[in-house]
Amino acid sequence: MRLALLVSAPFAVVALNGAILTIQNATAVLFPAWVRLGPVVSVGVEALGQNLLATVATIFSLAIGLILPLLAAWLTVTVVAQTRAIDLMILVITAAVVLGIETYVAMRLLGRALSKAEPSQTE
C-alpha cells in the first residue's frame, strides 16, 4: 500500500497544483478587478471578505473539476479490479490524468478569453 501511494503521489500533486493554479489564473483573467496587483496590500474587513470569497470560489471550482476525474477513476477501478493497493494506484493515476486533461482544456479556453480581453482590463 505504501509503495502504491509513493508511486501515485507525484501524479496527484502535479495534477492538483496545476488545477489550482489554473483556477487562480482564471480568476485573474475573467475577473481582473478582484485580483490585487503589485505590492499594494489592502487591509480591512472588505479585503478579508474578498479573500474569503475568492478562497471559497477556488475550493468550490476545484470540487466541481474533480467530479469527472473521480468518475473516470471509479469506472477504471471497477473494470480492472485488482488488489487493494493496485486499485488505489490506478484510481489516483487515472484521476490525475483526467484532471490534467481538464486543466489543459481550461488553459486553452482561458487563452482565448485573454486574447479577447480589453488591454485596459489587464493592467
N, C-alpha and C. Protein backbone atom coordinates (compact mmCIF):
# COMPACT_ATOMS: atom_id res chain seq x y z
N MET A 1 0.83 -1.19 0.00
CA MET A 1 0.00 0.00 0.00
C MET A 1 0.88 1.25 0.00
N ARG A 2 1.96 1.22 0.79
CA ARG A 2 2.86 2.38 0.83
C ARG A 2 3.53 2.60 -0.51
N LEU A 3 3.91 1.54 -1.17
CA LEU A 3 4.55 1.67 -2.48
C LEU A 3 3.57 2.24 -3.50
N ALA A 4 2.32 1.81 -3.43
CA ALA A 4 1.30 2.34 -4.34
C ALA A 4 1.09 3.82 -4.12
N LEU A 5 1.05 4.26 -2.86
CA LEU A 5 0.92 5.69 -2.57
C LEU A 5 2.16 6.47 -3.01
N LEU A 6 3.33 5.86 -2.82
CA LEU A 6 4.57 6.53 -3.23
C LEU A 6 4.65 6.70 -4.74
N VAL A 7 4.19 5.71 -5.48
CA VAL A 7 4.22 5.79 -6.94
C VAL A 7 3.18 6.78 -7.48
N SER A 8 2.00 6.79 -6.87
CA SER A 8 0.92 7.62 -7.41
C SER A 8 0.90 9.05 -6.88
N ALA A 9 1.56 9.32 -5.78
CA ALA A 9 1.53 10.67 -5.18
C ALA A 9 2.05 11.77 -6.11
N PRO A 10 3.15 11.59 -6.84
CA PRO A 10 3.59 12.67 -7.72
C PRO A 10 2.56 13.04 -8.80
N PHE A 11 1.86 12.07 -9.30
CA PHE A 11 0.82 12.35 -10.30
C PHE A 11 -0.28 13.21 -9.69
N ALA A 12 -0.69 12.86 -8.49
CA ALA A 12 -1.77 13.61 -7.82
C ALA A 12 -1.33 15.02 -7.48
N VAL A 13 -0.12 15.17 -6.99
CA VAL A 13 0.38 16.50 -6.60
C VAL A 13 0.49 17.42 -7.81
N VAL A 14 1.04 16.93 -8.90
CA VAL A 14 1.18 17.75 -10.10
C VAL A 14 -0.18 18.13 -10.67
N ALA A 15 -1.10 17.18 -10.72
CA ALA A 15 -2.43 17.46 -11.27
C ALA A 15 -3.19 18.47 -10.40
N LEU A 16 -3.17 18.30 -9.10
CA LEU A 16 -3.87 19.23 -8.21
C LEU A 16 -3.25 20.61 -8.23
N ASN A 17 -1.93 20.69 -8.21
CA ASN A 17 -1.27 22.01 -8.28
C ASN A 17 -1.59 22.72 -9.59
N GLY A 18 -1.57 21.98 -10.68
CA GLY A 18 -1.90 22.58 -11.97
C GLY A 18 -3.33 23.07 -12.03
N ALA A 19 -4.25 22.29 -11.46
CA ALA A 19 -5.66 22.69 -11.46
C ALA A 19 -5.89 23.93 -10.61
N ILE A 20 -5.29 23.98 -9.43
CA ILE A 20 -5.47 25.14 -8.56
C ILE A 20 -4.83 26.37 -9.17
N LEU A 21 -3.66 26.22 -9.77
CA LEU A 21 -3.02 27.36 -10.43
C LEU A 21 -3.85 27.85 -11.60
N THR A 22 -4.44 26.95 -12.35
CA THR A 22 -5.31 27.33 -13.47
C THR A 22 -6.56 28.05 -12.97
N ILE A 23 -7.13 27.59 -11.88
CA ILE A 23 -8.32 28.25 -11.32
C ILE A 23 -7.97 29.67 -10.88
N GLN A 24 -6.82 29.84 -10.23
CA GLN A 24 -6.42 31.17 -9.79
C GLN A 24 -6.12 32.09 -10.97
N ASN A 25 -5.51 31.56 -12.01
CA ASN A 25 -5.27 32.35 -13.21
C ASN A 25 -6.58 32.68 -13.92
N ALA A 26 -7.54 31.76 -13.88
CA ALA A 26 -8.84 32.03 -14.48
C ALA A 26 -9.53 33.18 -13.76
N THR A 27 -9.38 33.23 -12.46
CA THR A 27 -9.94 34.35 -11.70
C THR A 27 -9.32 35.66 -12.14
N ALA A 28 -8.02 35.67 -12.34
CA ALA A 28 -7.34 36.89 -12.77
C ALA A 28 -7.73 37.30 -14.18
N VAL A 29 -7.96 36.33 -15.06
CA VAL A 29 -8.31 36.64 -16.44
C VAL A 29 -9.78 37.05 -16.56
N LEU A 30 -10.66 36.32 -15.91
CA LEU A 30 -12.09 36.56 -16.06
C LEU A 30 -12.61 37.67 -15.15
N PHE A 31 -11.99 37.86 -14.00
CA PHE A 31 -12.41 38.90 -13.06
C PHE A 31 -11.21 39.72 -12.62
N PRO A 32 -10.65 40.56 -13.50
CA PRO A 32 -9.41 41.27 -13.17
C PRO A 32 -9.55 42.26 -12.01
N ALA A 33 -10.72 42.76 -11.77
CA ALA A 33 -10.90 43.71 -10.67
C ALA A 33 -10.81 43.03 -9.31
N TRP A 34 -10.99 41.74 -9.26
CA TRP A 34 -10.95 41.02 -7.99
C TRP A 34 -9.54 40.67 -7.55
N VAL A 35 -8.58 40.81 -8.46
CA VAL A 35 -7.22 40.39 -8.17
C VAL A 35 -6.37 41.60 -7.86
N ARG A 36 -5.60 41.50 -6.80
CA ARG A 36 -4.74 42.60 -6.43
C ARG A 36 -3.41 42.45 -7.16
N LEU A 37 -2.95 43.55 -7.74
CA LEU A 37 -1.70 43.54 -8.48
C LEU A 37 -0.68 44.44 -7.79
N GLY A 38 0.56 44.04 -7.82
CA GLY A 38 1.61 44.87 -7.27
C GLY A 38 1.77 44.71 -5.77
N PRO A 39 2.66 45.53 -5.20
CA PRO A 39 2.98 45.40 -3.78
C PRO A 39 1.94 46.03 -2.84
N VAL A 40 0.94 46.72 -3.37
CA VAL A 40 -0.05 47.37 -2.53
C VAL A 40 -0.96 46.30 -1.92
N VAL A 41 -1.03 46.31 -0.60
CA VAL A 41 -1.84 45.33 0.11
C VAL A 41 -3.00 46.07 0.77
N SER A 42 -4.20 45.67 0.42
CA SER A 42 -5.37 46.28 1.03
C SER A 42 -5.70 45.53 2.32
N VAL A 43 -6.10 46.29 3.32
CA VAL A 43 -6.43 45.70 4.61
C VAL A 43 -7.84 46.10 5.00
N GLY A 44 -8.37 45.42 5.97
CA GLY A 44 -9.69 45.75 6.45
C GLY A 44 -10.67 44.63 6.22
N VAL A 45 -11.89 44.88 6.65
CA VAL A 45 -12.94 43.88 6.57
C VAL A 45 -13.27 43.57 5.11
N GLU A 46 -13.24 44.58 4.23
CA GLU A 46 -13.56 44.35 2.82
C GLU A 46 -12.56 43.41 2.17
N ALA A 47 -11.27 43.64 2.45
CA ALA A 47 -10.23 42.78 1.88
C ALA A 47 -10.35 41.36 2.43
N LEU A 48 -10.66 41.24 3.71
CA LEU A 48 -10.84 39.93 4.31
C LEU A 48 -12.00 39.19 3.66
N GLY A 49 -13.11 39.88 3.46
CA GLY A 49 -14.27 39.26 2.81
C GLY A 49 -13.98 38.87 1.38
N GLN A 50 -13.26 39.73 0.65
CA GLN A 50 -12.94 39.42 -0.74
C GLN A 50 -12.01 38.21 -0.82
N ASN A 51 -11.03 38.13 0.06
CA ASN A 51 -10.12 36.98 0.07
C ASN A 51 -10.86 35.70 0.46
N LEU A 52 -11.79 35.81 1.40
CA LEU A 52 -12.57 34.64 1.80
C LEU A 52 -13.45 34.15 0.65
N LEU A 53 -14.10 35.07 -0.05
CA LEU A 53 -14.92 34.68 -1.20
C LEU A 53 -14.07 34.04 -2.30
N ALA A 54 -12.88 34.59 -2.54
CA ALA A 54 -12.00 34.01 -3.56
C ALA A 54 -11.55 32.61 -3.18
N THR A 55 -11.26 32.39 -1.90
CA THR A 55 -10.84 31.08 -1.44
C THR A 55 -11.98 30.06 -1.55
N VAL A 56 -13.16 30.45 -1.15
CA VAL A 56 -14.32 29.56 -1.25
C VAL A 56 -14.62 29.23 -2.71
N ALA A 57 -14.53 30.24 -3.59
CA ALA A 57 -14.77 30.01 -5.01
C ALA A 57 -13.72 29.06 -5.60
N THR A 58 -12.47 29.20 -5.17
CA THR A 58 -11.42 28.31 -5.66
C THR A 58 -11.68 26.87 -5.22
N ILE A 59 -12.02 26.68 -3.97
CA ILE A 59 -12.29 25.33 -3.47
C ILE A 59 -13.52 24.73 -4.15
N PHE A 60 -14.56 25.54 -4.33
CA PHE A 60 -15.77 25.06 -4.99
C PHE A 60 -15.48 24.69 -6.45
N SER A 61 -14.69 25.51 -7.14
CA SER A 61 -14.33 25.22 -8.53
C SER A 61 -13.51 23.95 -8.64
N LEU A 62 -12.59 23.75 -7.70
CA LEU A 62 -11.80 22.52 -7.70
C LEU A 62 -12.68 21.30 -7.43
N ALA A 63 -13.64 21.44 -6.53
CA ALA A 63 -14.55 20.32 -6.24
C ALA A 63 -15.36 19.96 -7.47
N ILE A 64 -15.83 20.95 -8.21
CA ILE A 64 -16.58 20.68 -9.44
C ILE A 64 -15.66 20.04 -10.48
N GLY A 65 -14.42 20.53 -10.55
CA GLY A 65 -13.48 19.98 -11.52
C GLY A 65 -13.06 18.55 -11.21
N LEU A 66 -13.19 18.13 -9.97
CA LEU A 66 -12.79 16.77 -9.59
C LEU A 66 -13.87 15.73 -9.82
N ILE A 67 -15.07 16.16 -10.18
CA ILE A 67 -16.17 15.19 -10.37
C ILE A 67 -15.86 14.23 -11.52
N LEU A 68 -15.52 14.74 -12.68
CA LEU A 68 -15.23 13.89 -13.84
C LEU A 68 -14.01 12.99 -13.62
N PRO A 69 -12.88 13.49 -13.08
CA PRO A 69 -11.76 12.58 -12.83
C PRO A 69 -12.09 11.45 -11.85
N LEU A 70 -12.87 11.75 -10.83
CA LEU A 70 -13.22 10.70 -9.88
C LEU A 70 -14.16 9.68 -10.47
N LEU A 71 -15.08 10.12 -11.32
CA LEU A 71 -15.96 9.16 -12.00
C LEU A 71 -15.18 8.27 -12.96
N ALA A 72 -14.25 8.86 -13.70
CA ALA A 72 -13.42 8.07 -14.62
C ALA A 72 -12.54 7.09 -13.85
N ALA A 73 -11.98 7.54 -12.73
CA ALA A 73 -11.14 6.65 -11.93
C ALA A 73 -11.96 5.51 -11.33
N TRP A 74 -13.15 5.81 -10.84
CA TRP A 74 -14.01 4.77 -10.28
C TRP A 74 -14.38 3.74 -11.34
N LEU A 75 -14.71 4.22 -12.54
CA LEU A 75 -15.06 3.31 -13.62
C LEU A 75 -13.87 2.43 -13.99
N THR A 76 -12.68 3.01 -14.04
CA THR A 76 -11.48 2.24 -14.37
C THR A 76 -11.21 1.17 -13.33
N VAL A 77 -11.31 1.53 -12.06
CA VAL A 77 -11.05 0.56 -10.99
C VAL A 77 -12.12 -0.53 -10.99
N THR A 78 -13.36 -0.17 -11.31
CA THR A 78 -14.42 -1.17 -11.38
C THR A 78 -14.15 -2.19 -12.48
N VAL A 79 -13.63 -1.73 -13.61
CA VAL A 79 -13.35 -2.62 -14.73
C VAL A 79 -12.12 -3.48 -14.46
N VAL A 80 -11.07 -2.87 -13.90
CA VAL A 80 -9.81 -3.59 -13.70
C VAL A 80 -9.89 -4.53 -12.50
N ALA A 81 -10.31 -4.07 -11.34
CA ALA A 81 -10.50 -4.85 -10.11
C ALA A 81 -9.31 -5.75 -9.78
N GLN A 82 -8.24 -5.16 -9.28
CA GLN A 82 -7.05 -5.88 -8.85
C GLN A 82 -7.02 -5.91 -7.32
N THR A 83 -5.83 -6.01 -6.77
CA THR A 83 -5.68 -5.94 -5.31
C THR A 83 -5.95 -4.51 -4.84
N ARG A 84 -6.10 -4.36 -3.55
CA ARG A 84 -6.44 -3.04 -2.99
C ARG A 84 -5.38 -1.99 -3.28
N ALA A 85 -4.12 -2.33 -3.16
CA ALA A 85 -3.05 -1.37 -3.40
C ALA A 85 -2.99 -0.96 -4.88
N ILE A 86 -3.13 -1.91 -5.76
CA ILE A 86 -3.09 -1.61 -7.19
C ILE A 86 -4.32 -0.80 -7.59
N ASP A 87 -5.48 -1.12 -7.01
CA ASP A 87 -6.68 -0.33 -7.28
C ASP A 87 -6.49 1.12 -6.86
N LEU A 88 -5.89 1.34 -5.70
CA LEU A 88 -5.64 2.70 -5.23
C LEU A 88 -4.70 3.44 -6.17
N MET A 89 -3.65 2.77 -6.60
CA MET A 89 -2.69 3.40 -7.50
C MET A 89 -3.35 3.73 -8.84
N ILE A 90 -4.13 2.83 -9.38
CA ILE A 90 -4.82 3.07 -10.65
C ILE A 90 -5.82 4.21 -10.49
N LEU A 91 -6.52 4.23 -9.37
CA LEU A 91 -7.50 5.28 -9.10
C LEU A 91 -6.85 6.66 -9.10
N VAL A 92 -5.76 6.80 -8.37
CA VAL A 92 -5.08 8.09 -8.26
C VAL A 92 -4.49 8.52 -9.59
N ILE A 93 -3.83 7.61 -10.28
CA ILE A 93 -3.19 7.97 -11.55
C ILE A 93 -4.23 8.31 -12.62
N THR A 94 -5.31 7.54 -12.68
CA THR A 94 -6.36 7.84 -13.66
C THR A 94 -7.01 9.19 -13.37
N ALA A 95 -7.31 9.45 -12.11
CA ALA A 95 -7.91 10.74 -11.75
C ALA A 95 -6.95 11.89 -12.07
N ALA A 96 -5.67 11.69 -11.83
CA ALA A 96 -4.68 12.73 -12.12
C ALA A 96 -4.57 13.01 -13.61
N VAL A 97 -4.61 11.96 -14.41
CA VAL A 97 -4.51 12.15 -15.87
C VAL A 97 -5.75 12.87 -16.40
N VAL A 98 -6.93 12.47 -15.95
CA VAL A 98 -8.15 13.13 -16.41
C VAL A 98 -8.19 14.58 -15.93
N LEU A 99 -7.76 14.84 -14.70
CA LEU A 99 -7.69 16.22 -14.20
C LEU A 99 -6.67 17.04 -15.00
N GLY A 100 -5.58 16.42 -15.39
CA GLY A 100 -4.61 17.11 -16.24
C GLY A 100 -5.18 17.47 -17.60
N ILE A 101 -5.97 16.58 -18.17
CA ILE A 101 -6.63 16.87 -19.45
C ILE A 101 -7.63 18.00 -19.29
N GLU A 102 -8.41 17.97 -18.20
CA GLU A 102 -9.35 19.07 -17.93
C GLU A 102 -8.62 20.40 -17.76
N THR A 103 -7.50 20.37 -17.07
CA THR A 103 -6.72 21.59 -16.85
C THR A 103 -6.18 22.12 -18.17
N TYR A 104 -5.73 21.24 -19.02
CA TYR A 104 -5.22 21.67 -20.33
C TYR A 104 -6.34 22.33 -21.15
N VAL A 105 -7.50 21.73 -21.16
CA VAL A 105 -8.63 22.32 -21.90
C VAL A 105 -9.00 23.68 -21.30
N ALA A 106 -9.01 23.77 -19.99
CA ALA A 106 -9.31 25.06 -19.35
C ALA A 106 -8.27 26.11 -19.70
N MET A 107 -7.01 25.73 -19.77
CA MET A 107 -5.95 26.67 -20.16
C MET A 107 -6.14 27.17 -21.58
N ARG A 108 -6.51 26.26 -22.46
CA ARG A 108 -6.76 26.67 -23.85
C ARG A 108 -7.91 27.67 -23.93
N LEU A 109 -8.99 27.41 -23.20
CA LEU A 109 -10.13 28.32 -23.19
C LEU A 109 -9.77 29.66 -22.54
N LEU A 110 -8.96 29.62 -21.50
CA LEU A 110 -8.53 30.87 -20.86
C LEU A 110 -7.63 31.68 -21.78
N GLY A 111 -6.84 31.00 -22.60
CA GLY A 111 -6.01 31.72 -23.57
C GLY A 111 -6.86 32.48 -24.56
N ARG A 112 -7.95 31.87 -24.99
CA ARG A 112 -8.86 32.57 -25.90
C ARG A 112 -9.51 33.76 -25.20
N ALA A 113 -9.92 33.58 -23.95
CA ALA A 113 -10.54 34.68 -23.20
C ALA A 113 -9.54 35.81 -22.97
N LEU A 114 -8.29 35.47 -22.72
CA LEU A 114 -7.26 36.50 -22.51
C LEU A 114 -6.97 37.26 -23.79
N SER A 115 -6.98 36.56 -24.93
CA SER A 115 -6.70 37.24 -26.18
C SER A 115 -7.83 38.19 -26.58
N LYS A 116 -9.04 37.92 -26.11
CA LYS A 116 -10.17 38.80 -26.40
C LYS A 116 -10.32 39.92 -25.37
N ALA A 117 -9.55 39.87 -24.29
CA ALA A 117 -9.70 40.86 -23.21
C ALA A 117 -9.25 42.23 -23.67
N GLU A 118 -9.85 43.22 -23.09
CA GLU A 118 -9.51 44.61 -23.35
C GLU A 118 -8.15 44.88 -22.69
N PRO A 119 -7.22 45.55 -23.41
CA PRO A 119 -5.89 45.79 -22.82
C PRO A 119 -5.96 46.59 -21.51
N SER A 120 -6.92 47.48 -21.37
CA SER A 120 -7.01 48.25 -20.14
C SER A 120 -7.46 47.41 -18.96
N GLN A 121 -8.10 46.27 -19.21
CA GLN A 121 -8.53 45.39 -18.12
C GLN A 121 -7.38 44.58 -17.55
N THR A 122 -6.35 44.34 -18.34
CA THR A 122 -5.26 43.50 -17.88
C THR A 122 -4.17 44.30 -17.16
N GLU A 123 -4.27 45.58 -17.17
CA GLU A 123 -3.25 46.40 -16.49
C GLU A 123 -3.67 46.79 -15.12
